[in-house]
Amino acid sequence: MNNLIKVLKKCRDLYLSRIQWRKYKIGKNFHAGKGVRIWAKKTLVIGDNFYIGRYSQIESDVMIGNDVIFGNHVAIVGRYDHHYQQIGTAIRFSSQIRDQDYNWRGMDSVTIIEDEVWVGFGAIIMSGVRIGTGSIIAAGSVITKDVEPYTITGGSPAKKIKDRFNSPEDTQAHRRTYFNLHSHNHQSDMPV
């Protein structure tokens, strides 16, 4: 019975990545929990070994590296999804980024999440930020600006709490080991 459940989950993940969300580039070993929603206006690239937890959503242009994990209820959302400065129009009825003719702010805003990032339960990531390699986003955080690699960041708005590893030597040892073990398996498409 346990093997049947594993097979069914794998089939569901393949259906989501290869059929339902086929217009996006999604790497191998993708897993999406129950109730996940994904949408991007122009760009959505997801690397290998991505796990997105239950009821999470991506509603923004985004590039996600390899070996990334999102907890449950994580959201990547746009800063300018509605033209809130549209004169004489209530925000509810203003033009929005999903409209074909939308031409206000946020059109070129791409969120970049580099390799080996862990985003905790209920975190919200605003569009246009870069989350550095190996970083951890604490549960419930609201990310409004870039996150340094190999740091733990949390709060609302989020701030650096501390470095992920106890010393720069530990960070370098991890980087060497991780990239030596994984570099032959896959290369990230992350822009520099």
N, C-alpha and C. Protein backbone atom coordinates (compact mmCIF):
# COMPACT_ATOMS: atom_id res chain seq x y z
N MET A 1 0.81 -1.20 0.00
CA MET A 1 0.00 0.00 0.00
C MET A 1 0.86 1.26 0.00
N ASN A 2 1.94 1.24 0.79
CA ASN A 2 2.84 2.39 0.87
C ASN A 2 3.48 2.68 -0.49
N ASN A 3 3.87 1.62 -1.21
CA ASN A 3 4.46 1.80 -2.54
C ASN A 3 3.44 2.36 -3.53
N LEU A 4 2.19 1.94 -3.41
CA LEU A 4 1.13 2.47 -4.27
C LEU A 4 0.96 3.96 -4.06
N ILE A 5 0.99 4.40 -2.83
CA ILE A 5 0.86 5.83 -2.52
C ILE A 5 2.03 6.61 -3.12
N LYS A 6 3.23 6.07 -3.02
CA LYS A 6 4.40 6.72 -3.62
C LYS A 6 4.26 6.84 -5.13
N VAL A 7 3.78 5.79 -5.77
CA VAL A 7 3.59 5.79 -7.23
C VAL A 7 2.54 6.82 -7.61
N LEU A 8 1.44 6.87 -6.88
CA LEU A 8 0.37 7.84 -7.17
C LEU A 8 0.86 9.28 -7.01
N LYS A 9 1.65 9.53 -5.96
CA LYS A 9 2.20 10.89 -5.77
C LYS A 9 3.13 11.26 -6.92
N LYS A 10 3.96 10.31 -7.34
CA LYS A 10 4.88 10.57 -8.46
C LYS A 10 4.10 10.86 -9.74
N CYS A 11 3.04 10.09 -9.98
CA CYS A 11 2.20 10.33 -11.16
C CYS A 11 1.54 11.70 -11.10
N ARG A 12 1.05 12.09 -9.93
CA ARG A 12 0.44 13.41 -9.77
C ARG A 12 1.45 14.51 -10.05
N ASP A 13 2.66 14.37 -9.49
CA ASP A 13 3.71 15.37 -9.71
C ASP A 13 4.08 15.47 -11.19
N LEU A 14 4.17 14.33 -11.87
CA LEU A 14 4.46 14.34 -13.30
C LEU A 14 3.33 15.01 -14.09
N TYR A 15 2.09 14.73 -13.72
CA TYR A 15 0.95 15.37 -14.38
C TYR A 15 1.03 16.89 -14.21
N LEU A 16 1.29 17.35 -12.98
CA LEU A 16 1.35 18.80 -12.73
C LEU A 16 2.48 19.45 -13.52
N SER A 17 3.68 18.86 -13.46
CA SER A 17 4.84 19.49 -14.08
C SER A 17 4.87 19.35 -15.59
N ARG A 18 4.34 18.27 -16.13
CA ARG A 18 4.44 18.02 -17.58
C ARG A 18 3.16 18.34 -18.36
N ILE A 19 2.02 18.42 -17.67
CA ILE A 19 0.77 18.68 -18.38
C ILE A 19 0.12 19.98 -17.90
N GLN A 20 -0.29 20.03 -16.64
CA GLN A 20 -1.00 21.22 -16.15
C GLN A 20 -0.14 22.48 -16.25
N TRP A 21 1.12 22.39 -15.86
CA TRP A 21 2.01 23.56 -15.87
C TRP A 21 3.09 23.42 -16.95
N ARG A 22 2.76 22.81 -18.07
CA ARG A 22 3.74 22.53 -19.12
C ARG A 22 4.32 23.77 -19.76
N LYS A 23 3.64 24.91 -19.68
CA LYS A 23 4.18 26.12 -20.29
C LYS A 23 5.36 26.69 -19.50
N TYR A 24 5.59 26.16 -18.31
CA TYR A 24 6.72 26.60 -17.49
C TYR A 24 7.84 25.57 -17.58
N LYS A 25 9.04 25.98 -17.24
CA LYS A 25 10.18 25.06 -17.24
C LYS A 25 10.36 24.54 -15.82
N ILE A 26 10.08 23.25 -15.64
CA ILE A 26 10.15 22.63 -14.31
C ILE A 26 11.09 21.44 -14.40
N GLY A 27 12.09 21.42 -13.53
CA GLY A 27 13.11 20.38 -13.52
C GLY A 27 12.61 19.05 -12.99
N LYS A 28 13.52 18.10 -12.92
CA LYS A 28 13.16 16.75 -12.47
C LYS A 28 13.02 16.70 -10.95
N ASN A 29 12.36 15.65 -10.48
CA ASN A 29 12.10 15.42 -9.06
C ASN A 29 11.30 16.54 -8.41
N PHE A 30 10.34 17.07 -9.14
CA PHE A 30 9.44 18.12 -8.67
C PHE A 30 8.35 17.49 -7.79
N HIS A 31 8.01 18.16 -6.69
CA HIS A 31 6.87 17.73 -5.88
C HIS A 31 6.06 18.93 -5.44
N ALA A 32 4.75 18.83 -5.61
CA ALA A 32 3.83 19.87 -5.15
C ALA A 32 2.80 19.25 -4.23
N GLY A 33 2.64 19.84 -3.05
CA GLY A 33 1.63 19.37 -2.12
C GLY A 33 0.23 19.76 -2.57
N LYS A 34 -0.75 19.33 -1.82
CA LYS A 34 -2.16 19.59 -2.11
C LYS A 34 -2.43 21.10 -2.13
N GLY A 35 -3.23 21.53 -3.11
CA GLY A 35 -3.69 22.91 -3.16
C GLY A 35 -2.68 23.94 -3.64
N VAL A 36 -1.58 23.50 -4.25
CA VAL A 36 -0.56 24.43 -4.75
C VAL A 36 -1.07 25.11 -6.02
N ARG A 37 -0.80 26.41 -6.13
CA ARG A 37 -1.17 27.19 -7.32
C ARG A 37 0.09 27.83 -7.87
N ILE A 38 0.26 27.76 -9.19
CA ILE A 38 1.42 28.35 -9.85
C ILE A 38 0.94 29.16 -11.05
N TRP A 39 1.44 30.39 -11.14
CA TRP A 39 1.14 31.27 -12.28
C TRP A 39 2.27 32.27 -12.44
N ALA A 40 2.64 32.55 -13.67
CA ALA A 40 3.61 33.60 -13.99
C ALA A 40 3.18 34.27 -15.28
N LYS A 41 3.40 35.58 -15.36
CA LYS A 41 3.04 36.31 -16.58
C LYS A 41 3.94 35.91 -17.74
N LYS A 42 5.27 35.89 -17.48
CA LYS A 42 6.22 35.60 -18.56
C LYS A 42 7.19 34.47 -18.24
N THR A 43 7.76 34.47 -17.04
CA THR A 43 8.88 33.58 -16.74
C THR A 43 8.65 32.78 -15.48
N LEU A 44 8.72 31.46 -15.60
CA LEU A 44 8.73 30.61 -14.43
C LEU A 44 9.65 29.44 -14.73
N VAL A 45 10.79 29.42 -14.06
CA VAL A 45 11.79 28.37 -14.23
C VAL A 45 12.05 27.78 -12.86
N ILE A 46 11.92 26.47 -12.75
CA ILE A 46 12.14 25.77 -11.49
C ILE A 46 13.19 24.70 -11.74
N GLY A 47 14.23 24.68 -10.90
CA GLY A 47 15.31 23.71 -11.04
C GLY A 47 14.91 22.33 -10.57
N ASP A 48 15.90 21.45 -10.49
CA ASP A 48 15.70 20.08 -10.06
C ASP A 48 15.49 20.00 -8.54
N ASN A 49 14.77 18.95 -8.13
CA ASN A 49 14.58 18.63 -6.72
C ASN A 49 13.87 19.73 -5.94
N PHE A 50 12.84 20.30 -6.54
CA PHE A 50 12.06 21.35 -5.89
C PHE A 50 10.86 20.72 -5.19
N TYR A 51 10.64 21.14 -3.94
CA TYR A 51 9.51 20.69 -3.15
C TYR A 51 8.74 21.93 -2.73
N ILE A 52 7.45 21.96 -3.06
CA ILE A 52 6.59 23.08 -2.65
C ILE A 52 5.45 22.50 -1.83
N GLY A 53 5.34 22.94 -0.58
CA GLY A 53 4.39 22.38 0.37
C GLY A 53 2.95 22.76 0.10
N ARG A 54 2.07 22.12 0.84
CA ARG A 54 0.62 22.29 0.69
C ARG A 54 0.19 23.75 0.76
N TYR A 55 -0.76 24.08 -0.11
CA TYR A 55 -1.42 25.39 -0.16
C TYR A 55 -0.45 26.55 -0.36
N SER A 56 0.68 26.28 -0.96
CA SER A 56 1.62 27.34 -1.32
C SER A 56 1.25 27.86 -2.70
N GLN A 57 1.76 29.07 -3.02
CA GLN A 57 1.45 29.63 -4.33
C GLN A 57 2.60 30.47 -4.84
N ILE A 58 2.75 30.41 -6.15
CA ILE A 58 3.67 31.28 -6.87
C ILE A 58 2.80 32.07 -7.83
N GLU A 59 2.77 33.39 -7.66
CA GLU A 59 1.96 34.24 -8.52
C GLU A 59 2.81 35.42 -8.97
N SER A 60 3.92 35.10 -9.61
CA SER A 60 4.88 36.11 -10.01
C SER A 60 5.87 35.46 -10.95
N ASP A 61 6.57 36.26 -11.72
CA ASP A 61 7.67 35.73 -12.52
C ASP A 61 8.80 35.35 -11.56
N VAL A 62 9.32 34.14 -11.74
CA VAL A 62 10.29 33.64 -10.77
C VAL A 62 11.24 32.65 -11.42
N MET A 63 12.46 32.63 -10.91
CA MET A 63 13.46 31.62 -11.26
C MET A 63 13.92 30.99 -9.95
N ILE A 64 13.74 29.67 -9.86
CA ILE A 64 14.08 28.94 -8.64
C ILE A 64 15.17 27.93 -8.99
N GLY A 65 16.21 27.91 -8.18
CA GLY A 65 17.35 27.02 -8.42
C GLY A 65 17.06 25.58 -8.05
N ASN A 66 18.11 24.82 -7.88
CA ASN A 66 18.04 23.40 -7.56
C ASN A 66 18.00 23.19 -6.05
N ASP A 67 17.39 22.07 -5.64
CA ASP A 67 17.40 21.63 -4.24
C ASP A 67 16.77 22.65 -3.30
N VAL A 68 15.63 23.22 -3.72
CA VAL A 68 14.92 24.24 -2.95
C VAL A 68 13.68 23.60 -2.34
N ILE A 69 13.38 24.00 -1.10
CA ILE A 69 12.19 23.49 -0.41
C ILE A 69 11.37 24.66 0.13
N PHE A 70 10.07 24.61 -0.16
CA PHE A 70 9.10 25.55 0.41
C PHE A 70 8.24 24.78 1.40
N GLY A 71 8.06 25.32 2.58
CA GLY A 71 7.11 24.73 3.52
C GLY A 71 5.69 24.95 3.04
N ASN A 72 4.73 24.60 3.86
CA ASN A 72 3.32 24.82 3.54
C ASN A 72 2.97 26.31 3.63
N HIS A 73 2.01 26.73 2.84
CA HIS A 73 1.45 28.09 2.87
C HIS A 73 2.48 29.18 2.55
N VAL A 74 3.48 28.87 1.74
CA VAL A 74 4.46 29.87 1.28
C VAL A 74 3.88 30.56 0.06
N ALA A 75 4.14 31.87 -0.07
CA ALA A 75 3.64 32.61 -1.23
C ALA A 75 4.71 33.52 -1.80
N ILE A 76 4.80 33.51 -3.13
CA ILE A 76 5.58 34.52 -3.85
C ILE A 76 4.55 35.36 -4.58
N VAL A 77 4.49 36.63 -4.23
CA VAL A 77 3.45 37.51 -4.78
C VAL A 77 4.05 38.78 -5.35
N GLY A 78 3.35 39.37 -6.29
CA GLY A 78 3.82 40.59 -6.92
C GLY A 78 3.59 41.82 -6.07
N ARG A 79 4.48 42.78 -6.21
CA ARG A 79 4.33 44.07 -5.53
C ARG A 79 3.31 44.95 -6.24
N TYR A 80 3.19 44.77 -7.53
CA TYR A 80 2.37 45.66 -8.36
C TYR A 80 1.36 44.87 -9.17
N ASP A 81 0.64 43.99 -8.51
CA ASP A 81 -0.34 43.16 -9.22
C ASP A 81 -1.56 43.96 -9.68
N HIS A 82 -1.81 45.08 -9.02
CA HIS A 82 -2.93 45.96 -9.40
C HIS A 82 -2.40 47.38 -9.57
N HIS A 83 -2.90 48.07 -10.56
CA HIS A 83 -2.50 49.46 -10.81
C HIS A 83 -3.23 50.36 -9.81
N TYR A 84 -2.67 50.43 -8.61
CA TYR A 84 -3.35 51.14 -7.52
C TYR A 84 -3.31 52.66 -7.66
N GLN A 85 -2.60 53.20 -8.66
CA GLN A 85 -2.58 54.64 -8.90
C GLN A 85 -3.42 55.04 -10.11
N GLN A 86 -4.26 54.16 -10.57
CA GLN A 86 -5.11 54.43 -11.73
C GLN A 86 -6.19 55.44 -11.31
N ILE A 87 -6.11 56.63 -11.86
CA ILE A 87 -6.99 57.74 -11.46
C ILE A 87 -8.45 57.39 -11.75
N GLY A 88 -9.29 57.63 -10.72
CA GLY A 88 -10.73 57.47 -10.87
C GLY A 88 -11.22 56.03 -10.84
N THR A 89 -10.35 55.07 -10.53
CA THR A 89 -10.75 53.66 -10.52
C THR A 89 -10.42 53.05 -9.17
N ALA A 90 -11.39 52.39 -8.57
CA ALA A 90 -11.15 51.66 -7.32
C ALA A 90 -10.12 50.56 -7.59
N ILE A 91 -9.29 50.29 -6.63
CA ILE A 91 -8.25 49.26 -6.81
C ILE A 91 -8.87 47.94 -7.26
N ARG A 92 -10.01 47.60 -6.71
CA ARG A 92 -10.69 46.35 -7.06
C ARG A 92 -10.93 46.25 -8.56
N PHE A 93 -11.15 47.38 -9.22
CA PHE A 93 -11.48 47.37 -10.65
C PHE A 93 -10.35 47.92 -11.53
N SER A 94 -9.22 48.23 -10.93
CA SER A 94 -8.09 48.75 -11.71
C SER A 94 -7.48 47.64 -12.56
N SER A 95 -6.64 48.03 -13.52
CA SER A 95 -5.98 47.02 -14.33
C SER A 95 -5.05 46.20 -13.44
N GLN A 96 -4.88 44.94 -13.82
CA GLN A 96 -4.05 44.04 -13.03
C GLN A 96 -3.08 43.29 -13.92
N ILE A 97 -2.02 42.79 -13.31
CA ILE A 97 -0.92 42.19 -14.06
C ILE A 97 -1.37 41.00 -14.92
N ARG A 98 -2.44 40.34 -14.56
CA ARG A 98 -2.94 39.22 -15.37
C ARG A 98 -3.60 39.68 -16.67
N ASP A 99 -3.94 40.98 -16.76
CA ASP A 99 -4.56 41.51 -17.99
C ASP A 99 -3.55 41.51 -19.13
N GLN A 100 -4.02 41.19 -20.34
CA GLN A 100 -3.14 41.19 -21.52
C GLN A 100 -2.50 42.55 -21.76
N ASP A 101 -3.25 43.62 -21.58
CA ASP A 101 -2.75 44.97 -21.91
C ASP A 101 -2.16 45.70 -20.70
N TYR A 102 -1.90 45.01 -19.60
CA TYR A 102 -1.31 45.63 -18.41
C TYR A 102 0.06 46.21 -18.77
N ASN A 103 0.30 47.48 -18.42
CA ASN A 103 1.58 48.10 -18.77
C ASN A 103 2.10 49.02 -17.67
N TRP A 104 1.74 48.75 -16.46
CA TRP A 104 2.19 49.56 -15.33
C TRP A 104 3.44 48.94 -14.72
N ARG A 105 3.70 49.16 -13.48
CA ARG A 105 4.89 48.66 -12.80
C ARG A 105 4.89 47.14 -12.66
N GLY A 106 6.10 46.59 -12.46
CA GLY A 106 6.25 45.18 -12.16
C GLY A 106 6.39 44.26 -13.35
N MET A 107 6.33 44.80 -14.54
CA MET A 107 6.36 43.95 -15.73
C MET A 107 7.70 43.19 -15.89
N ASP A 108 8.78 43.77 -15.45
CA ASP A 108 10.10 43.14 -15.59
C ASP A 108 10.65 42.64 -14.26
N SER A 109 9.79 42.51 -13.27
CA SER A 109 10.20 42.09 -11.94
C SER A 109 10.25 40.56 -11.86
N VAL A 110 11.45 40.03 -11.68
CA VAL A 110 11.64 38.58 -11.56
C VAL A 110 12.23 38.28 -10.19
N THR A 111 11.61 37.37 -9.48
CA THR A 111 12.11 36.91 -8.19
C THR A 111 13.09 35.79 -8.47
N ILE A 112 14.25 35.86 -7.82
CA ILE A 112 15.28 34.82 -8.02
C ILE A 112 15.55 34.15 -6.68
N ILE A 113 15.38 32.84 -6.68
CA ILE A 113 15.68 32.03 -5.50
C ILE A 113 16.78 31.07 -5.92
N GLU A 114 17.96 31.27 -5.37
CA GLU A 114 19.11 30.48 -5.79
C GLU A 114 19.05 29.06 -5.21
N ASP A 115 20.06 28.25 -5.48
CA ASP A 115 20.11 26.86 -5.07
C ASP A 115 20.10 26.69 -3.55
N GLU A 116 19.55 25.54 -3.13
CA GLU A 116 19.64 25.05 -1.75
C GLU A 116 19.05 26.03 -0.74
N VAL A 117 17.88 26.58 -1.04
CA VAL A 117 17.19 27.51 -0.14
C VAL A 117 16.04 26.78 0.53
N TRP A 118 15.81 27.10 1.80
CA TRP A 118 14.66 26.56 2.55
C TRP A 118 13.81 27.73 2.97
N VAL A 119 12.54 27.73 2.54
CA VAL A 119 11.60 28.78 2.90
C VAL A 119 10.57 28.17 3.84
N GLY A 120 10.50 28.69 5.08
CA GLY A 120 9.64 28.12 6.11
C GLY A 120 8.16 28.42 5.95
N PHE A 121 7.37 27.72 6.73
CA PHE A 121 5.91 27.78 6.73
C PHE A 121 5.40 29.22 6.76
N GLY A 122 4.50 29.52 5.83
CA GLY A 122 3.79 30.79 5.86
C GLY A 122 4.60 32.01 5.46
N ALA A 123 5.80 31.82 4.95
CA ALA A 123 6.60 32.98 4.52
C ALA A 123 5.99 33.59 3.26
N ILE A 124 6.12 34.90 3.14
CA ILE A 124 5.67 35.64 1.96
C ILE A 124 6.89 36.31 1.36
N ILE A 125 7.08 36.09 0.06
CA ILE A 125 8.21 36.68 -0.66
C ILE A 125 7.64 37.65 -1.68
N MET A 126 8.00 38.92 -1.58
CA MET A 126 7.54 39.91 -2.53
C MET A 126 8.38 39.82 -3.81
N SER A 127 7.76 40.07 -4.93
CA SER A 127 8.44 39.93 -6.22
C SER A 127 9.65 40.86 -6.34
N GLY A 128 10.59 40.42 -7.15
CA GLY A 128 11.76 41.23 -7.47
C GLY A 128 12.93 41.08 -6.54
N VAL A 129 12.84 40.22 -5.53
CA VAL A 129 13.97 40.04 -4.62
C VAL A 129 14.82 38.86 -5.07
N ARG A 130 16.02 38.80 -4.53
CA ARG A 130 16.94 37.68 -4.78
C ARG A 130 17.24 37.05 -3.44
N ILE A 131 17.02 35.74 -3.36
CA ILE A 131 17.32 35.00 -2.14
C ILE A 131 18.56 34.16 -2.43
N GLY A 132 19.62 34.45 -1.70
CA GLY A 132 20.93 33.87 -1.98
C GLY A 132 21.03 32.39 -1.66
N THR A 133 21.98 31.75 -2.31
CA THR A 133 22.26 30.32 -2.17
C THR A 133 22.37 29.91 -0.71
N GLY A 134 21.76 28.79 -0.39
CA GLY A 134 21.93 28.19 0.93
C GLY A 134 21.28 28.92 2.08
N SER A 135 20.43 29.89 1.79
CA SER A 135 19.83 30.65 2.88
C SER A 135 18.56 29.97 3.40
N ILE A 136 18.15 30.41 4.58
CA ILE A 136 16.94 29.90 5.23
C ILE A 136 16.05 31.10 5.55
N ILE A 137 14.78 30.98 5.17
CA ILE A 137 13.79 32.01 5.48
C ILE A 137 12.91 31.45 6.60
N ALA A 138 12.88 32.13 7.74
CA ALA A 138 12.13 31.65 8.89
C ALA A 138 10.63 31.66 8.62
N ALA A 139 9.92 30.77 9.28
CA ALA A 139 8.47 30.68 9.15
C ALA A 139 7.83 32.03 9.45
N GLY A 140 6.82 32.38 8.65
CA GLY A 140 6.06 33.60 8.88
C GLY A 140 6.73 34.89 8.45
N SER A 141 7.87 34.81 7.82
CA SER A 141 8.61 36.01 7.43
C SER A 141 7.98 36.68 6.22
N VAL A 142 8.21 37.99 6.10
CA VAL A 142 7.81 38.73 4.91
C VAL A 142 9.09 39.29 4.30
N ILE A 143 9.47 38.76 3.13
CA ILE A 143 10.72 39.13 2.47
C ILE A 143 10.43 40.28 1.50
N THR A 144 11.02 41.43 1.77
CA THR A 144 10.81 42.62 0.94
C THR A 144 12.08 43.09 0.25
N LYS A 145 13.23 42.48 0.63
CA LYS A 145 14.50 42.87 0.00
C LYS A 145 15.40 41.64 -0.12
N ASP A 146 16.50 41.78 -0.83
CA ASP A 146 17.40 40.66 -1.10
C ASP A 146 17.90 40.02 0.20
N VAL A 147 18.16 38.71 0.11
CA VAL A 147 18.67 37.93 1.24
C VAL A 147 20.05 37.43 0.89
N GLU A 148 21.01 37.63 1.79
CA GLU A 148 22.39 37.20 1.56
C GLU A 148 22.49 35.68 1.55
N PRO A 149 23.44 35.13 0.78
CA PRO A 149 23.66 33.68 0.79
C PRO A 149 24.05 33.18 2.18
N TYR A 150 23.66 31.96 2.50
CA TYR A 150 24.04 31.26 3.72
C TYR A 150 23.71 32.04 4.98
N THR A 151 22.54 32.67 4.98
CA THR A 151 22.08 33.37 6.18
C THR A 151 20.71 32.84 6.57
N ILE A 152 20.33 33.12 7.81
CA ILE A 152 18.98 32.85 8.29
C ILE A 152 18.32 34.20 8.47
N THR A 153 17.18 34.37 7.82
CA THR A 153 16.48 35.64 7.78
C THR A 153 15.06 35.43 8.29
N GLY A 154 14.55 36.40 9.06
CA GLY A 154 13.20 36.24 9.56
C GLY A 154 12.60 37.56 10.01
N GLY A 155 11.29 37.54 10.22
CA GLY A 155 10.56 38.70 10.72
C GLY A 155 9.71 39.34 9.64
N SER A 156 9.07 40.44 10.04
CA SER A 156 8.20 41.18 9.13
C SER A 156 8.35 42.67 9.38
N PRO A 157 9.03 43.39 8.50
CA PRO A 157 9.78 42.88 7.34
C PRO A 157 11.01 42.10 7.82
N ALA A 158 11.43 41.16 7.01
CA ALA A 158 12.51 40.25 7.39
C ALA A 158 13.85 40.95 7.44
N LYS A 159 14.67 40.49 8.39
CA LYS A 159 16.04 40.97 8.56
C LYS A 159 16.93 39.76 8.82
N LYS A 160 18.21 39.93 8.56
CA LYS A 160 19.17 38.85 8.83
C LYS A 160 19.18 38.58 10.34
N ILE A 161 19.02 37.30 10.69
CA ILE A 161 19.10 36.89 12.10
C ILE A 161 20.52 36.48 12.44
N LYS A 162 21.08 35.63 11.57
CA LYS A 162 22.47 35.18 11.78
C LYS A 162 22.92 34.43 10.54
N ASP A 163 24.19 34.08 10.52
CA ASP A 163 24.72 33.24 9.46
C ASP A 163 24.22 31.81 9.68
N ARG A 164 24.07 31.08 8.59
CA ARG A 164 23.58 29.70 8.68
C ARG A 164 24.58 28.81 9.41
N PHE A 165 25.85 28.96 9.11
CA PHE A 165 26.88 28.14 9.73
C PHE A 165 27.60 28.94 10.81
N ASN A 166 28.27 28.22 11.72
CA ASN A 166 28.91 28.86 12.87
C ASN A 166 30.16 29.65 12.54
N SER A 167 30.77 29.37 11.39
CA SER A 167 32.00 30.08 11.04
C SER A 167 32.13 30.16 9.53
N PRO A 168 32.93 31.12 9.05
CA PRO A 168 33.18 31.19 7.60
C PRO A 168 33.83 29.91 7.07
N GLU A 169 34.65 29.26 7.91
CA GLU A 169 35.29 28.02 7.49
C GLU A 169 34.24 26.91 7.27
N ASP A 170 33.24 26.84 8.16
CA ASP A 170 32.17 25.86 7.98
C ASP A 170 31.37 26.15 6.71
N THR A 171 31.13 27.42 6.43
CA THR A 171 30.40 27.79 5.21
C THR A 171 31.19 27.34 3.99
N GLN A 172 32.49 27.61 3.97
CA GLN A 172 33.32 27.22 2.83
C GLN A 172 33.39 25.70 2.69
N ALA A 173 33.50 24.98 3.81
CA ALA A 173 33.55 23.52 3.76
C ALA A 173 32.24 22.97 3.20
N HIS A 174 31.12 23.55 3.62
CA HIS A 174 29.82 23.12 3.09
C HIS A 174 29.73 23.39 1.59
N ARG A 175 30.12 24.58 1.19
CA ARG A 175 30.06 24.93 -0.24
C ARG A 175 30.88 23.97 -1.08
N ARG A 176 32.11 23.70 -0.64
CA ARG A 176 32.97 22.78 -1.39
C ARG A 176 32.35 21.40 -1.49
N THR A 177 31.89 20.88 -0.37
CA THR A 177 31.33 19.54 -0.33
C THR A 177 30.04 19.47 -1.15
N TYR A 178 29.14 20.41 -0.94
CA TYR A 178 27.86 20.41 -1.64
C TYR A 178 28.07 20.49 -3.15
N PHE A 179 28.88 21.45 -3.59
CA PHE A 179 29.05 21.63 -5.03
C PHE A 179 29.87 20.52 -5.67
N ASN A 180 30.79 19.92 -4.93
CA ASN A 180 31.50 18.76 -5.47
C ASN A 180 30.57 17.57 -5.64
N LEU A 181 29.66 17.37 -4.70
CA LEU A 181 28.72 16.26 -4.77
C LEU A 181 27.63 16.48 -5.82
N HIS A 182 27.24 17.72 -6.03
CA HIS A 182 26.07 18.00 -6.87
C HIS A 182 26.38 18.60 -8.23
N SER A 183 27.56 19.09 -8.45
CA SER A 183 27.84 19.79 -9.71
C SER A 183 27.74 18.88 -10.93
N HIS A 184 28.04 17.61 -10.78
CA HIS A 184 27.95 16.71 -11.93
C HIS A 184 26.50 16.28 -12.20
N ASN A 185 25.61 16.43 -11.22
CA ASN A 185 24.21 16.01 -11.39
C ASN A 185 23.37 17.05 -12.13
N HIS A 186 23.60 18.32 -11.85
CA HIS A 186 22.77 19.35 -12.46
C HIS A 186 23.44 20.71 -12.30
N GLN A 187 23.13 21.56 -13.23
CA GLN A 187 23.61 22.93 -13.19
C GLN A 187 22.42 23.85 -13.14
N SER A 188 22.47 24.84 -12.30
CA SER A 188 21.38 25.79 -12.18
C SER A 188 21.40 26.77 -13.34
N ASP A 189 20.22 27.25 -13.73
CA ASP A 189 20.09 28.26 -14.79
C ASP A 189 20.03 29.66 -14.20
N MET A 190 20.47 29.85 -12.97
CA MET A 190 20.35 31.15 -12.31
C MET A 190 21.21 32.20 -13.02
N PRO A 191 20.64 33.38 -13.25
CA PRO A 191 21.45 34.47 -13.79
C PRO A 191 22.42 34.97 -12.74
N VAL A 192 23.55 35.41 -13.18
CA VAL A 192 24.57 35.89 -12.25
C VAL A 192 24.22 37.25 -11.70
